[in-house]
PDB file of all heavy atoms in Angstrom:
ATOM      1  N   MET A   1     -52.163 115.331  77.450  1.00  0.00           N
ATOM      2  CA  MET A   1     -52.790 115.218  76.132  1.00  0.00           C
ATOM      3  C   MET A   1     -54.165 115.861  76.162  1.00  0.00           C
ATOM      4  O   MET A   1     -54.899 115.754  77.140  1.00  0.00           O
ATOM      5  CB  MET A   1     -52.853 113.751  75.702  1.00  0.00           C
ATOM      6  CG  MET A   1     -51.483 113.212  75.430  1.00  0.00           C
ATOM      7  SD  MET A   1     -51.542 111.539  74.817  1.00  0.00           S
ATOM      8  CE  MET A   1     -49.799 111.240  74.649  1.00  0.00           C
ATOM      9  N   THR A   2     -54.496 116.492  75.049  1.00  0.00           N
ATOM     10  CA  THR A   2     -55.726 117.278  75.015  1.00  0.00           C
ATOM     11  C   THR A   2     -56.865 116.607  74.271  1.00  0.00           C
ATOM     12  O   THR A   2     -57.998 117.078  74.335  1.00  0.00           O
ATOM     13  CB  THR A   2     -55.452 118.651  74.367  1.00  0.00           C
ATOM     14  OG1 THR A   2     -54.899 118.444  73.065  1.00  0.00           O
ATOM     15  CG2 THR A   2     -54.487 119.457  75.227  1.00  0.00           C
ATOM     16  N   SER A   3     -56.548 115.527  73.559  1.00  0.00           N
ATOM     17  CA  SER A   3     -57.645 114.876  72.837  1.00  0.00           C
ATOM     18  C   SER A   3     -57.601 113.369  73.053  1.00  0.00           C
ATOM     19  O   SER A   3     -56.539 112.783  73.296  1.00  0.00           O
ATOM     20  CB  SER A   3     -57.561 115.183  71.335  1.00  0.00           C
ATOM     21  OG  SER A   3     -56.493 114.471  70.750  1.00  0.00           O
ATOM     22  N   MET A   4     -58.745 112.761  72.941  1.00  0.00           N
ATOM     23  CA  MET A   4     -58.843 111.304  73.080  1.00  0.00           C
ATOM     24  C   MET A   4     -58.113 110.618  71.927  1.00  0.00           C
ATOM     25  O   MET A   4     -57.522 109.556  72.110  1.00  0.00           O
ATOM     26  CB  MET A   4     -60.309 110.859  73.125  1.00  0.00           C
ATOM     27  CG  MET A   4     -61.016 111.237  74.425  1.00  0.00           C
ATOM     28  SD  MET A   4     -60.208 110.515  75.871  1.00  0.00           S
ATOM     29  CE  MET A   4     -60.647 108.819  75.689  1.00  0.00           C
ATOM     30  N   ASP A   5     -58.150 111.243  70.757  1.00  0.00           N
ATOM     31  CA  ASP A   5     -57.480 110.655  69.592  1.00  0.00           C
ATOM     32  C   ASP A   5     -55.966 110.590  69.823  1.00  0.00           C
ATOM     33  O   ASP A   5     -55.323 109.585  69.520  1.00  0.00           O
ATOM     34  CB  ASP A   5     -57.798 111.458  68.329  1.00  0.00           C
ATOM     35  CG  ASP A   5     -57.338 110.726  67.080  1.00  0.00           C
ATOM     36  OD1 ASP A   5     -57.646 109.517  66.959  1.00  0.00           O
ATOM     37  OD2 ASP A   5     -56.654 111.358  66.248  1.00  0.00           O
ATOM     38  N   GLU A   6     -55.402 111.655  70.379  1.00  0.00           N
ATOM     39  CA  GLU A   6     -53.974 111.694  70.680  1.00  0.00           C
ATOM     40  C   GLU A   6     -53.620 110.612  71.722  1.00  0.00           C
ATOM     41  O   GLU A   6     -52.636 109.888  71.579  1.00  0.00           O
ATOM     42  CB  GLU A   6     -53.601 113.086  71.203  1.00  0.00           C
ATOM     43  CG  GLU A   6     -52.127 113.292  71.437  1.00  0.00           C
ATOM     44  CD  GLU A   6     -51.821 114.688  71.975  1.00  0.00           C
ATOM     45  OE1 GLU A   6     -52.754 115.430  72.354  1.00  0.00           O
ATOM     46  OE2 GLU A   6     -50.625 115.008  72.032  1.00  0.00           O
ATOM     47  N   LEU A   7     -54.449 110.492  72.733  1.00  0.00           N
ATOM     48  CA  LEU A   7     -54.249 109.476  73.759  1.00  0.00           C
ATOM     49  C   LEU A   7     -54.360 108.078  73.164  1.00  0.00           C
ATOM     50  O   LEU A   7     -53.519 107.206  73.418  1.00  0.00           O
ATOM     51  CB  LEU A   7     -55.275 109.651  74.887  1.00  0.00           C
ATOM     52  CG  LEU A   7     -55.237 108.621  76.004  1.00  0.00           C
ATOM     53  CD1 LEU A   7     -53.905 108.655  76.738  1.00  0.00           C
ATOM     54  CD2 LEU A   7     -56.398 108.847  76.962  1.00  0.00           C
ATOM     55  N   ARG A   8     -55.375 107.882  72.355  1.00  0.00           N
ATOM     56  CA  ARG A   8     -55.593 106.573  71.721  1.00  0.00           C
ATOM     57  C   ARG A   8     -54.395 106.201  70.846  1.00  0.00           C
ATOM     58  O   ARG A   8     -53.877 105.081  70.920  1.00  0.00           O
ATOM     59  CB  ARG A   8     -56.873 106.597  70.893  1.00  0.00           C
ATOM     60  CG  ARG A   8     -57.235 105.238  70.306  1.00  0.00           C
ATOM     61  CD  ARG A   8     -58.587 105.263  69.581  1.00  0.00           C
ATOM     62  NE  ARG A   8     -58.659 106.205  68.486  1.00  0.00           N
ATOM     63  CZ  ARG A   8     -58.136 106.006  67.263  1.00  0.00           C
ATOM     64  NH1 ARG A   8     -57.502 104.883  67.013  1.00  0.00           N
ATOM     65  NH2 ARG A   8     -58.248 106.899  66.328  1.00  0.00           N
ATOM     66  N   GLN A   9     -53.894 107.115  70.040  1.00  0.00           N
ATOM     67  CA  GLN A   9     -52.755 106.836  69.160  1.00  0.00           C
ATOM     68  C   GLN A   9     -51.498 106.505  69.975  1.00  0.00           C
ATOM     69  O   GLN A   9     -50.761 105.587  69.623  1.00  0.00           O
ATOM     70  CB  GLN A   9     -52.470 108.033  68.245  1.00  0.00           C
ATOM     71  CG  GLN A   9     -53.477 108.188  67.117  1.00  0.00           C
ATOM     72  CD  GLN A   9     -53.511 106.959  66.234  1.00  0.00           C
ATOM     73  OE1 GLN A   9     -54.465 106.175  66.294  1.00  0.00           O
ATOM     74  NE2 GLN A   9     -52.493 106.756  65.431  1.00  0.00           N
ATOM     75  N   THR A  10     -51.281 107.224  71.048  1.00  0.00           N
ATOM     76  CA  THR A  10     -50.110 106.977  71.903  1.00  0.00           C
ATOM     77  C   THR A  10     -50.196 105.594  72.533  1.00  0.00           C
ATOM     78  O   THR A  10     -49.209 104.848  72.571  1.00  0.00           O
ATOM     79  CB  THR A  10     -50.001 108.063  72.994  1.00  0.00           C
ATOM     80  OG1 THR A  10     -49.896 109.339  72.356  1.00  0.00           O
ATOM     81  CG2 THR A  10     -48.804 107.830  73.888  1.00  0.00           C
ATOM     82  N   LEU A  11     -51.369 105.222  73.012  1.00  0.00           N
ATOM     83  CA  LEU A  11     -51.532 103.909  73.636  1.00  0.00           C
ATOM     84  C   LEU A  11     -51.424 102.780  72.613  1.00  0.00           C
ATOM     85  O   LEU A  11     -50.845 101.727  72.905  1.00  0.00           O
ATOM     86  CB  LEU A  11     -52.856 103.838  74.395  1.00  0.00           C
ATOM     87  CG  LEU A  11     -52.941 104.728  75.638  1.00  0.00           C
ATOM     88  CD1 LEU A  11     -54.327 104.633  76.265  1.00  0.00           C
ATOM     89  CD2 LEU A  11     -51.865 104.376  76.637  1.00  0.00           C
ATOM     90  N   ILE A  12     -51.959 103.002  71.427  1.00  0.00           N
ATOM     91  CA  ILE A  12     -51.835 101.991  70.362  1.00  0.00           C
ATOM     92  C   ILE A  12     -50.357 101.775  70.034  1.00  0.00           C
ATOM     93  O   ILE A  12     -49.892 100.640  69.917  1.00  0.00           O
ATOM     94  CB  ILE A  12     -52.635 102.396  69.115  1.00  0.00           C
ATOM     95  CG1 ILE A  12     -54.133 102.231  69.388  1.00  0.00           C
ATOM     96  CG2 ILE A  12     -52.208 101.579  67.895  1.00  0.00           C
ATOM     97  CD1 ILE A  12     -55.024 102.794  68.296  1.00  0.00           C
ATOM     98  N   GLN A  13     -49.617 102.872  69.905  1.00  0.00           N
ATOM     99  CA  GLN A  13     -48.184 102.763  69.609  1.00  0.00           C
ATOM    100  C   GLN A  13     -47.450 102.038  70.733  1.00  0.00           C
ATOM    101  O   GLN A  13     -46.592 101.194  70.488  1.00  0.00           O
ATOM    102  CB  GLN A  13     -47.575 104.150  69.379  1.00  0.00           C
ATOM    103  CG  GLN A  13     -46.116 104.095  68.945  1.00  0.00           C
ATOM    104  CD  GLN A  13     -45.934 103.367  67.631  1.00  0.00           C
ATOM    105  OE1 GLN A  13     -46.613 103.668  66.650  1.00  0.00           O
ATOM    106  NE2 GLN A  13     -45.048 102.391  67.601  1.00  0.00           N
ATOM    107  N   LEU A  14     -47.798 102.351  71.969  1.00  0.00           N
ATOM    108  CA  LEU A  14     -47.179 101.689  73.121  1.00  0.00           C
ATOM    109  C   LEU A  14     -47.417 100.184  73.063  1.00  0.00           C
ATOM    110  O   LEU A  14     -46.497  99.382  73.216  1.00  0.00           O
ATOM    111  CB  LEU A  14     -47.740 102.261  74.428  1.00  0.00           C
ATOM    112  CG  LEU A  14     -47.384 101.493  75.700  1.00  0.00           C
ATOM    113  CD1 LEU A  14     -45.895 101.637  76.009  1.00  0.00           C
ATOM    114  CD2 LEU A  14     -48.239 101.956  76.862  1.00  0.00           C
ATOM    115  N   ILE A  15     -48.652  99.801  72.828  1.00  0.00           N
ATOM    116  CA  ILE A  15     -48.996  98.373  72.802  1.00  0.00           C
ATOM    117  C   ILE A  15     -48.315  97.673  71.629  1.00  0.00           C
ATOM    118  O   ILE A  15     -47.809  96.557  71.772  1.00  0.00           O
ATOM    119  CB  ILE A  15     -50.519  98.181  72.809  1.00  0.00           C
ATOM    120  CG1 ILE A  15     -51.041  98.594  74.184  1.00  0.00           C
ATOM    121  CG2 ILE A  15     -50.905  96.749  72.475  1.00  0.00           C
ATOM    122  CD1 ILE A  15     -52.510  98.586  74.349  1.00  0.00           C
ATOM    123  N   GLU A  16     -48.244  98.327  70.477  1.00  0.00           N
ATOM    124  CA  GLU A  16     -47.550  97.729  69.328  1.00  0.00           C
ATOM    125  C   GLU A  16     -46.071  97.528  69.634  1.00  0.00           C
ATOM    126  O   GLU A  16     -45.494  96.483  69.324  1.00  0.00           O
ATOM    127  CB  GLU A  16     -47.727  98.599  68.086  1.00  0.00           C
ATOM    128  CG  GLU A  16     -49.108  98.515  67.482  1.00  0.00           C
ATOM    129  CD  GLU A  16     -49.314  99.481  66.315  1.00  0.00           C
ATOM    130  OE1 GLU A  16     -48.419 100.327  66.043  1.00  0.00           O
ATOM    131  OE2 GLU A  16     -50.378  99.391  65.680  1.00  0.00           O
ATOM    132  N   ASP A  17     -45.441  98.527  70.256  1.00  0.00           N
ATOM    133  CA  ASP A  17     -44.026  98.412  70.623  1.00  0.00           C
ATOM    134  C   ASP A  17     -43.805  97.280  71.616  1.00  0.00           C
ATOM    135  O   ASP A  17     -42.864  96.497  71.487  1.00  0.00           O
ATOM    136  CB  ASP A  17     -43.512  99.723  71.233  1.00  0.00           C
ATOM    137  CG  ASP A  17     -43.390 100.842  70.214  1.00  0.00           C
ATOM    138  OD1 ASP A  17     -43.472 100.562  68.997  1.00  0.00           O
ATOM    139  OD2 ASP A  17     -43.232 102.002  70.643  1.00  0.00           O
ATOM    140  N   LEU A  18     -44.665  97.197  72.609  1.00  0.00           N
ATOM    141  CA  LEU A  18     -44.518  96.143  73.617  1.00  0.00           C
ATOM    142  C   LEU A  18     -44.787  94.757  73.026  1.00  0.00           C
ATOM    143  O   LEU A  18     -44.086  93.799  73.348  1.00  0.00           O
ATOM    144  CB  LEU A  18     -45.436  96.417  74.806  1.00  0.00           C
ATOM    145  CG  LEU A  18     -45.058  97.647  75.644  1.00  0.00           C
ATOM    146  CD1 LEU A  18     -46.122  97.902  76.702  1.00  0.00           C
ATOM    147  CD2 LEU A  18     -43.697  97.491  76.272  1.00  0.00           C
ATOM    148  N   ALA A  19     -45.783  94.658  72.155  1.00  0.00           N
ATOM    149  CA  ALA A  19     -46.080  93.371  71.516  1.00  0.00           C
ATOM    150  C   ALA A  19     -44.897  92.919  70.662  1.00  0.00           C
ATOM    151  O   ALA A  19     -44.526  91.739  70.664  1.00  0.00           O
ATOM    152  CB  ALA A  19     -47.341  93.474  70.675  1.00  0.00           C
ATOM    153  N   HIS A  20     -44.305  93.864  69.960  1.00  0.00           N
ATOM    154  CA  HIS A  20     -43.121  93.541  69.153  1.00  0.00           C
ATOM    155  C   HIS A  20     -41.990  93.038  70.054  1.00  0.00           C
ATOM    156  O   HIS A  20     -41.309  92.066  69.741  1.00  0.00           O
ATOM    157  CB  HIS A  20     -42.681  94.772  68.362  1.00  0.00           C
ATOM    158  CG  HIS A  20     -41.459  94.548  67.539  1.00  0.00           C
ATOM    159  ND1 HIS A  20     -41.455  93.786  66.397  1.00  0.00           N
ATOM    160  CD2 HIS A  20     -40.186  94.980  67.713  1.00  0.00           C
ATOM    161  CE1 HIS A  20     -40.238  93.750  65.903  1.00  0.00           C
ATOM    162  NE2 HIS A  20     -39.448  94.476  66.678  1.00  0.00           N
ATOM    163  N   GLY A  21     -41.801  93.707  71.187  1.00  0.00           N
ATOM    164  CA  GLY A  21     -40.772  93.285  72.133  1.00  0.00           C
ATOM    165  C   GLY A  21     -41.026  91.908  72.705  1.00  0.00           C
ATOM    166  O   GLY A  21     -40.102  91.103  72.845  1.00  0.00           O
ATOM    167  N   VAL A  22     -42.273  91.613  73.020  1.00  0.00           N
ATOM    168  CA  VAL A  22     -42.627  90.294  73.542  1.00  0.00           C
ATOM    169  C   VAL A  22     -42.357  89.227  72.478  1.00  0.00           C
ATOM    170  O   VAL A  22     -41.804  88.165  72.769  1.00  0.00           O
ATOM    171  CB  VAL A  22     -44.103  90.259  74.007  1.00  0.00           C
ATOM    172  CG1 VAL A  22     -44.568  88.838  74.250  1.00  0.00           C
ATOM    173  CG2 VAL A  22     -44.271  91.097  75.271  1.00  0.00           C
ATOM    174  N   GLN A  23     -42.694  89.529  71.236  1.00  0.00           N
ATOM    175  CA  GLN A  23     -42.449  88.578  70.144  1.00  0.00           C
ATOM    176  C   GLN A  23     -40.948  88.329  69.982  1.00  0.00           C
ATOM    177  O   GLN A  23     -40.523  87.192  69.803  1.00  0.00           O
ATOM    178  CB  GLN A  23     -43.042  89.092  68.836  1.00  0.00           C
ATOM    179  CG  GLN A  23     -42.913  88.120  67.702  1.00  0.00           C
ATOM    180  CD  GLN A  23     -43.566  88.636  66.434  1.00  0.00           C
ATOM    181  OE1 GLN A  23     -43.820  89.818  66.282  1.00  0.00           O
ATOM    182  NE2 GLN A  23     -43.833  87.735  65.515  1.00  0.00           N
ATOM    183  N   GLN A  24     -40.146  89.373  70.070  1.00  0.00           N
ATOM    184  CA  GLN A  24     -38.697  89.201  69.976  1.00  0.00           C
ATOM    185  C   GLN A  24     -38.172  88.353  71.131  1.00  0.00           C
ATOM    186  O   GLN A  24     -37.297  87.510  70.940  1.00  0.00           O
ATOM    187  CB  GLN A  24     -37.993  90.558  69.963  1.00  0.00           C
ATOM    188  CG  GLN A  24     -38.143  91.296  68.664  1.00  0.00           C
ATOM    189  CD  GLN A  24     -37.454  92.649  68.703  1.00  0.00           C
ATOM    190  OE1 GLN A  24     -37.445  93.319  69.730  1.00  0.00           O
ATOM    191  NE2 GLN A  24     -36.876  93.033  67.589  1.00  0.00           N
ATOM    192  N   ALA A  25     -38.708  88.565  72.320  1.00  0.00           N
ATOM    193  CA  ALA A  25     -38.286  87.767  73.474  1.00  0.00           C
ATOM    194  C   ALA A  25     -38.634  86.299  73.274  1.00  0.00           C
ATOM    195  O   ALA A  25     -37.834  85.412  73.590  1.00  0.00           O
ATOM    196  CB  ALA A  25     -38.938  88.304  74.750  1.00  0.00           C
ATOM    197  N   GLN A  26     -39.818  86.036  72.722  1.00  0.00           N
ATOM    198  CA  GLN A  26     -40.212  84.647  72.464  1.00  0.00           C
ATOM    199  C   GLN A  26     -39.297  84.021  71.417  1.00  0.00           C
ATOM    200  O   GLN A  26     -38.876  82.877  71.562  1.00  0.00           O
ATOM    201  CB  GLN A  26     -41.662  84.584  71.990  1.00  0.00           C
ATOM    202  CG  GLN A  26     -42.668  84.836  73.075  1.00  0.00           C
ATOM    203  CD  GLN A  26     -44.088  84.878  72.532  1.00  0.00           C
ATOM    204  OE1 GLN A  26     -44.331  85.311  71.400  1.00  0.00           O
ATOM    205  NE2 GLN A  26     -45.025  84.447  73.339  1.00  0.00           N
TER     206      GLN A  26
END
């Protein structure tokens, strides 16, 4: 990745996906 914004968006999406998965598991 070439920009911090691109990295930040990818990590935000990752965390949202994982949080959703954790909520489904609960």
